[in-house]
Amino acid sequence: MSPRLALVCAAILMAVAVALGAFGAHALKARLAADALVVWQTAVNYHAWHALGLLGVGVLMTQFPHSRGLARTAWLFVTGIALFCGSLYALALGAPHAVGLATPVGGAAFIAGWLMLACTGRSLQVAPRSDAR
């Protein structure tokens, strides 16, 4: 994933997270059971946090554009949002329980993304600041 694509995806995913959060709080509040609304809110929370994580990775990618680890982290976050959050949104709306099989795969993608970021951050070569005293 390129830095530009990561930043664009992050912005779009954040806008979608805000819209889905508002949709859940207003349109779905009277239509879903309380436990389904909790599932919806969990999806929105993980969606927003990982879209922000993707934004941070995108910013890092502008400084380290050739880092394959950052690109992999970005893809893992996008995959996690699609699978983890997407399956939770669907389950909250009444999808068959089999859809829930994607949830732990998406959760694993989130975890792998954070671990990939940790490993990548450890190996990035950061130039010393010229104004250091």
C-alpha atoms as a PDB file:
ATOM      1  CA  MET A   1       0.000   0.000   0.000  1.00  0.00           C
ATOM      2  CA  SER A   2       1.312   3.435  -0.874  1.00  0.00           C
ATOM      3  CA  PRO A   3       1.396   6.310   1.617  1.00  0.00           C
ATOM      4  CA  ARG A   4      -1.254   8.164  -0.398  1.00  0.00           C
ATOM      5  CA  LEU A   5      -3.585   5.155  -0.465  1.00  0.00           C
ATOM      6  CA  ALA A   6      -3.129   4.614   3.278  1.00  0.00           C
ATOM      7  CA  LEU A   7      -4.016   8.235   4.036  1.00  0.00           C
ATOM      8  CA  VAL A   8      -7.023   8.237   1.694  1.00  0.00           C
ATOM      9  CA  CYS A   9      -8.280   4.914   3.065  1.00  0.00           C
ATOM     10  CA  ALA A  10      -7.831   6.162   6.632  1.00  0.00           C
ATOM     11  CA  ALA A  11      -9.846   9.316   5.964  1.00  0.00           C
ATOM     12  CA  ILE A  12     -12.630   7.423   4.211  1.00  0.00           C
ATOM     13  CA  LEU A  13     -12.722   4.730   6.900  1.00  0.00           C
ATOM     14  CA  MET A  14     -12.939   7.383   9.630  1.00  0.00           C
ATOM     15  CA  ALA A  15     -15.819   9.104   7.830  1.00  0.00           C
ATOM     16  CA  VAL A  16     -17.595   5.751   7.525  1.00  0.00           C
ATOM     17  CA  ALA A  17     -16.977   5.009  11.220  1.00  0.00           C
ATOM     18  CA  VAL A  18     -18.507   8.342  12.232  1.00  0.00           C
ATOM     19  CA  ALA A  19     -21.479   7.783   9.930  1.00  0.00           C
ATOM     20  CA  LEU A  20     -22.062   4.242  11.216  1.00  0.00           C
ATOM     21  CA  GLY A  21     -21.738   5.433  14.810  1.00  0.00           C
ATOM     22  CA  ALA A  22     -24.382   8.098  14.207  1.00  0.00           C
ATOM     23  CA  PHE A  23     -26.570   5.613  12.339  1.00  0.00           C
ATOM     24  CA  GLY A  24     -26.390   3.213  15.273  1.00  0.00           C
ATOM     25  CA  ALA A  25     -27.081   5.914  17.844  1.00  0.00           C
ATOM     26  CA  HIS A  26     -30.063   7.366  16.005  1.00  0.00           C
ATOM     27  CA  ALA A  27     -31.615   5.076  13.394  1.00  0.00           C
ATOM     28  CA  LEU A  28     -30.893   1.710  14.984  1.00  0.00           C
ATOM     29  CA  LYS A  29     -31.459   2.621  18.623  1.00  0.00           C
ATOM     30  CA  ALA A  30     -35.210   1.992  18.437  1.00  0.00           C
ATOM     31  CA  ARG A  31     -34.921  -0.994  16.090  1.00  0.00           C
ATOM     32  CA  LEU A  32     -32.248  -3.227  17.622  1.00  0.00           C
ATOM     33  CA  ALA A  33     -32.127  -5.067  20.904  1.00  0.00           C
ATOM     34  CA  ALA A  34     -29.741  -3.737  23.529  1.00  0.00           C
ATOM     35  CA  ASP A  35     -27.254  -6.593  23.006  1.00  0.00           C
ATOM     36  CA  ALA A  36     -27.210  -5.960  19.240  1.00  0.00           C
ATOM     37  CA  LEU A  37     -26.520  -2.272  19.870  1.00  0.00           C
ATOM     38  CA  VAL A  38     -23.561  -3.239  22.064  1.00  0.00           C
ATOM     39  CA  VAL A  39     -22.198  -5.365  19.202  1.00  0.00           C
ATOM     40  CA  TRP A  40     -22.723  -2.430  16.806  1.00  0.00           C
ATOM     41  CA  GLN A  41     -20.905  -0.036  19.159  1.00  0.00           C
ATOM     42  CA  THR A  42     -18.006  -2.483  19.539  1.00  0.00           C
ATOM     43  CA  ALA A  43     -17.671  -2.565  15.754  1.00  0.00           C
ATOM     44  CA  VAL A  44     -17.737   1.242  15.551  1.00  0.00           C
ATOM     45  CA  ASN A  45     -15.093   1.562  18.284  1.00  0.00           C
ATOM     46  CA  TYR A  46     -12.666  -0.905  16.704  1.00  0.00           C
ATOM     47  CA  HIS A  47     -13.374   0.581  13.266  1.00  0.00           C
ATOM     48  CA  ALA A  48     -12.538   4.115  14.420  1.00  0.00           C
ATOM     49  CA  TRP A  49      -9.461   3.166  16.450  1.00  0.00           C
ATOM     50  CA  HIS A  50      -7.957   1.149  13.630  1.00  0.00           C
ATOM     51  CA  ALA A  51      -8.764   3.794  11.024  1.00  0.00           C
ATOM     52  CA  LEU A  52      -6.827   6.220  13.243  1.00  0.00           C
ATOM     53  CA  GLY A  53      -4.056   3.635  13.460  1.00  0.00           C
ATOM     54  CA  LEU A  54      -4.062   3.461   9.668  1.00  0.00           C
ATOM     55  CA  LEU A  55      -3.795   7.252   9.548  1.00  0.00           C
ATOM     56  CA  GLY A  56      -0.724   7.108  11.780  1.00  0.00           C
ATOM     57  CA  VAL A  57       0.800   4.373   9.630  1.00  0.00           C
ATOM     58  CA  GLY A  58       0.082   6.469   6.529  1.00  0.00           C
ATOM     59  CA  VAL A  59       1.918   9.422   8.058  1.00  0.00           C
ATOM     60  CA  LEU A  60       4.858   7.163   8.924  1.00  0.00           C
ATOM     61  CA  MET A  61       4.826   5.852   5.362  1.00  0.00           C
ATOM     62  CA  THR A  62       5.384   9.392   4.054  1.00  0.00           C
ATOM     63  CA  GLN A  63       8.640   9.425   6.048  1.00  0.00           C
ATOM     64  CA  PHE A  64       9.583   5.811   5.252  1.00  0.00           C
ATOM     65  CA  PRO A  65       7.990   5.185   1.825  1.00  0.00           C
ATOM     66  CA  HIS A  66       9.971   2.012   1.116  1.00  0.00           C
ATOM     67  CA  SER A  67       9.076   0.230   4.360  1.00  0.00           C
ATOM     68  CA  ARG A  68       7.354  -3.036   3.499  1.00  0.00           C
ATOM     69  CA  GLY A  69       6.506  -3.521   7.168  1.00  0.00           C
ATOM     70  CA  LEU A  70       4.477  -0.310   7.258  1.00  0.00           C
ATOM     71  CA  ALA A  71       2.669  -1.289   4.053  1.00  0.00           C
ATOM     72  CA  ARG A  72       1.851  -4.700   5.530  1.00  0.00           C
ATOM     73  CA  THR A  73       0.629  -3.057   8.728  1.00  0.00           C
ATOM     74  CA  ALA A  74      -1.701  -0.851   6.689  1.00  0.00           C
ATOM     75  CA  TRP A  75      -3.152  -3.840   4.849  1.00  0.00           C
ATOM     76  CA  LEU A  76      -3.607  -5.750   8.094  1.00  0.00           C
ATOM     77  CA  PHE A  77      -5.564  -2.844   9.604  1.00  0.00           C
ATOM     78  CA  VAL A  78      -7.789  -2.584   6.523  1.00  0.00           C
ATOM     79  CA  THR A  79      -8.332  -6.356   6.576  1.00  0.00           C
ATOM     80  CA  GLY A  80      -9.185  -6.238  10.266  1.00  0.00           C
ATOM     81  CA  ILE A  81     -11.721  -3.467   9.749  1.00  0.00           C
ATOM     82  CA  ALA A  82     -13.344  -5.365   6.891  1.00  0.00           C
ATOM     83  CA  LEU A  83     -13.493  -8.743   8.644  1.00  0.00           C
ATOM     84  CA  PHE A  84     -13.802  -7.936  12.349  1.00  0.00           C
ATOM     85  CA  CYS A  85     -15.938  -4.816  12.156  1.00  0.00           C
ATOM     86  CA  GLY A  86     -17.801  -5.875   9.033  1.00  0.00           C
ATOM     87  CA  SER A  87     -18.856  -9.168  10.603  1.00  0.00           C
ATOM     88  CA  LEU A  88     -19.935  -7.438  13.812  1.00  0.00           C
ATOM     89  CA  TYR A  89     -22.014  -4.903  11.866  1.00  0.00           C
ATOM     90  CA  ALA A  90     -23.652  -7.763   9.971  1.00  0.00           C
ATOM     91  CA  LEU A  91     -24.297  -9.794  13.132  1.00  0.00           C
ATOM     92  CA  ALA A  92     -25.851  -6.783  14.858  1.00  0.00           C
ATOM     93  CA  LEU A  93     -28.229  -6.457  11.914  1.00  0.00           C
ATOM     94  CA  GLY A  94     -29.253 -10.102  12.167  1.00  0.00           C
ATOM     95  CA  ALA A  95     -26.880 -11.928   9.822  1.00  0.00           C
ATOM     96  CA  PRO A  96     -26.549 -15.698  10.302  1.00  0.00           C
ATOM     97  CA  HIS A  97     -24.194 -16.750  13.099  1.00  0.00           C
ATOM     98  CA  ALA A  98     -21.831 -18.249  10.492  1.00  0.00           C
ATOM     99  CA  VAL A  99     -20.832 -14.680   9.598  1.00  0.00           C
ATOM    100  CA  GLY A 100     -19.223 -14.566  13.036  1.00  0.00           C
ATOM    101  CA  LEU A 101     -16.536 -16.943  11.811  1.00  0.00           C
ATOM    102  CA  ALA A 102     -14.851 -13.927  10.192  1.00  0.00           C
ATOM    103  CA  THR A 103     -14.700 -12.000  13.466  1.00  0.00           C
ATOM    104  CA  PRO A 104     -11.683 -13.763  15.038  1.00  0.00           C
ATOM    105  CA  VAL A 105      -9.841 -13.694  11.708  1.00  0.00           C
ATOM    106  CA  GLY A 106     -10.296  -9.925  11.628  1.00  0.00           C
ATOM    107  CA  GLY A 107      -9.225  -9.681  15.259  1.00  0.00           C
ATOM    108  CA  ALA A 108      -6.098 -11.654  14.445  1.00  0.00           C
ATOM    109  CA  ALA A 109      -5.393  -9.220  11.584  1.00  0.00           C
ATOM    110  CA  PHE A 110      -5.608  -6.309  14.048  1.00  0.00           C
ATOM    111  CA  ILE A 111      -3.213  -8.024  16.460  1.00  0.00           C
ATOM    112  CA  ALA A 112      -0.839  -8.955  13.637  1.00  0.00           C
ATOM    113  CA  GLY A 113      -0.934  -5.352  12.403  1.00  0.00           C
ATOM    114  CA  TRP A 114       0.072  -3.960  15.789  1.00  0.00           C
ATOM    115  CA  LEU A 115       2.826  -6.544  16.173  1.00  0.00           C
ATOM    116  CA  MET A 116       4.034  -5.824  12.624  1.00  0.00           C
ATOM    117  CA  LEU A 117       4.140  -2.119  13.485  1.00  0.00           C
ATOM    118  CA  ALA A 118       6.176  -2.868  16.609  1.00  0.00           C
ATOM    119  CA  CYS A 119       8.674  -4.989  14.681  1.00  0.00           C
ATOM    120  CA  THR A 120       8.873  -2.470  11.868  1.00  0.00           C
ATOM    121  CA  GLY A 121       9.288   0.484  14.227  1.00  0.00           C
ATOM    122  CA  ARG A 122      12.131  -1.291  15.929  1.00  0.00           C
ATOM    123  CA  SER A 123      14.032  -1.590  12.645  1.00  0.00           C
ATOM    124  CA  LEU A 124      13.346   1.842  11.084  1.00  0.00           C
ATOM    125  CA  GLN A 125      16.430   3.960  10.608  1.00  0.00           C
ATOM    126  CA  VAL A 126      15.654   7.408  11.971  1.00  0.00           C
ATOM    127  CA  ALA A 127      18.064  10.185  11.064  1.00  0.00           C
ATOM    128  CA  PRO A 128      19.258  12.332  13.972  1.00  0.00           C
ATOM    129  CA  ARG A 129      17.770  15.810  14.122  1.00  0.00           C
ATOM    130  CA  SER A 130      20.059  18.559  12.865  1.00  0.00           C
ATOM    131  CA  ASP A 131      18.983  20.950  15.615  1.00  0.00           C
ATOM    132  CA  ALA A 132      19.808  18.503  18.447  1.00  0.00           C
ATOM    133  CA  ARG A 133      21.973  20.047  21.150  1.00  0.00           C
END
